[in-house]
Amino acid sequence: MIAQKIKKEVKPTKTHLKKGDVVRVVSGREKGKEGKILQLSRIKNAVWVERLNLIKKHTKPNPKYPKGGIMEKEGILSISNVMIICQNCERPVRVASKRLTDGKKVRICRRCGEALDKD
């Protein structure tokens, strides 16, 4: 009998981060650097941060890049290695969530208590 591979169902990681948030890297090679989240994958437990963790990709000439060559693009960072920056505190903070009287859920800074969501 041929053994079949059993695919394990991956549950998406819960996170308080969103695309467009400004974050600071708290551990790893890029520690201390800040940037905006370009992309977020809860299944891969990863974020892509603007101009951080750059990798070089060798590309053949194609319609998009007629010359080809070596391109630089953002690599992934673990969600656990970044923290959101509060505009009020201007420091990396932990995030809480709170329901307003109108029923809307808002992310709150644990340090100063201000809302992190712009709307």
Protein backbone atom coordinates (compact mmCIF):
# COMPACT_ATOMS: atom_id res chain seq x y z
CA MET A 1 0.00 0.00 0.00
CA ILE A 2 1.09 3.49 -0.75
CA ALA A 3 1.07 5.73 2.28
CA GLN A 4 -0.88 8.91 1.66
CA LYS A 5 0.25 12.20 3.08
CA ILE A 6 -2.23 13.58 5.57
CA LYS A 7 -2.64 17.30 5.11
CA LYS A 8 -2.89 19.06 8.41
CA GLU A 9 -5.46 21.85 8.42
CA VAL A 10 -3.75 25.13 9.25
CA LYS A 11 -5.70 27.63 11.31
CA PRO A 12 -5.02 31.31 10.64
CA THR A 13 -3.16 33.09 13.45
CA LYS A 14 -5.09 35.76 15.34
CA THR A 15 -3.42 39.15 15.05
CA HIS A 16 -4.13 42.79 15.83
CA LEU A 17 -2.10 43.98 12.83
CA LYS A 18 -3.62 45.30 9.61
CA LYS A 19 -2.31 46.27 6.19
CA GLY A 20 -1.08 49.88 6.30
CA ASP A 21 -0.13 49.89 10.01
CA VAL A 22 3.25 51.38 10.92
CA VAL A 23 5.29 48.81 12.84
CA ARG A 24 8.73 48.49 14.43
CA VAL A 25 10.79 45.29 14.27
CA VAL A 26 11.55 44.17 17.84
CA SER A 27 13.87 41.23 17.14
CA GLY A 28 16.02 39.79 14.40
CA ARG A 29 18.40 41.25 11.84
CA GLU A 30 16.21 44.30 11.15
CA LYS A 31 15.70 45.14 14.86
CA GLY A 32 14.79 48.79 15.56
CA LYS A 33 13.71 49.63 12.00
CA GLU A 34 10.23 50.93 11.18
CA GLY A 35 7.98 50.60 8.15
CA LYS A 36 4.45 50.22 6.84
CA ILE A 37 2.84 46.78 6.41
CA LEU A 38 2.44 46.04 2.70
CA GLN A 39 0.98 42.56 3.02
CA LEU A 40 -0.12 40.26 5.84
CA SER A 41 -0.57 36.48 5.82
CA ARG A 42 -2.23 34.99 8.87
CA ILE A 43 -1.80 31.43 7.56
CA LYS A 44 1.97 31.85 7.01
CA ASN A 45 2.18 33.92 10.24
CA ALA A 46 4.09 36.55 8.27
CA VAL A 47 4.16 40.22 7.30
CA TRP A 48 5.87 42.09 4.49
CA VAL A 49 7.12 45.49 5.67
CA GLU A 50 8.03 48.34 3.32
CA ARG A 51 11.81 48.49 2.58
CA LEU A 52 12.70 45.93 5.29
CA ASN A 53 14.25 42.46 5.00
CA LEU A 54 15.10 43.06 1.34
CA ILE A 55 15.98 40.03 -0.78
CA LYS A 56 17.51 39.89 -4.24
CA LYS A 57 15.59 38.07 -6.95
CA HIS A 58 17.24 37.18 -10.26
CA THR A 59 14.78 37.59 -13.12
CA LYS A 60 14.95 36.65 -16.77
CA PRO A 61 13.90 39.24 -19.33
CA ASN A 62 10.12 39.25 -19.67
CA PRO A 63 7.42 41.68 -20.84
CA LYS A 64 7.28 43.34 -17.42
CA TYR A 65 11.08 43.67 -17.08
CA PRO A 66 12.54 43.72 -20.62
CA LYS A 67 16.15 43.87 -19.39
CA GLY A 68 15.77 41.35 -16.56
CA GLY A 69 18.51 41.41 -13.93
CA ILE A 70 18.63 41.46 -10.16
CA MET A 71 15.54 42.91 -8.45
CA GLU A 72 15.20 43.81 -4.78
CA LYS A 73 11.94 43.05 -3.02
CA GLU A 74 10.66 42.74 0.54
CA GLY A 75 11.00 39.40 2.29
CA ILE A 76 8.78 38.04 5.04
CA LEU A 77 9.04 38.78 8.75
CA SER A 78 7.30 36.81 11.47
CA ILE A 79 4.26 38.52 12.99
CA SER A 80 5.79 37.93 16.44
CA ASN A 81 8.84 40.04 15.51
CA VAL A 82 6.92 43.27 14.87
CA MET A 83 4.90 45.60 17.11
CA ILE A 84 2.49 48.33 16.07
CA ILE A 85 3.52 51.92 16.80
CA CYS A 86 1.01 54.21 18.55
CA GLN A 87 0.91 57.70 16.98
CA ASN A 88 0.23 59.21 20.41
CA CYS A 89 3.03 57.42 22.36
CA GLU A 90 5.37 57.11 19.35
CA ARG A 91 6.56 53.78 20.77
CA PRO A 92 5.84 50.11 20.02
CA VAL A 93 2.80 49.05 22.04
CA ARG A 94 0.62 46.06 22.75
CA VAL A 95 -2.94 46.24 21.46
CA ALA A 96 -6.29 45.72 23.14
CA SER A 97 -9.71 45.79 21.52
CA LYS A 98 -12.80 47.55 22.81
CA ARG A 99 -16.41 47.84 21.65
CA LEU A 100 -17.79 51.36 21.41
CA THR A 101 -21.37 52.30 22.31
CA ASP A 102 -22.40 52.15 18.65
CA GLY A 103 -21.15 48.51 18.48
CA LYS A 104 -17.99 49.23 16.48
CA LYS A 105 -14.83 47.34 17.51
CA VAL A 106 -11.72 49.53 17.90
CA ARG A 107 -8.06 48.71 18.58
CA ILE A 108 -6.74 50.47 21.71
CA CYS A 109 -3.16 51.25 22.79
CA ARG A 110 -2.42 49.49 26.09
CA ARG A 111 0.03 52.21 27.13
CA CYS A 112 -2.03 55.41 26.67
CA GLY A 113 -5.57 54.13 26.02
CA GLU A 114 -5.98 56.00 22.69
CA ALA A 115 -7.63 54.39 19.66
CA LEU A 116 -5.18 53.11 17.03
CA ASP A 117 -7.75 53.01 14.21
CA LYS A 118 -7.96 56.20 12.18
CA ASP A 119 -11.67 55.98 11.39
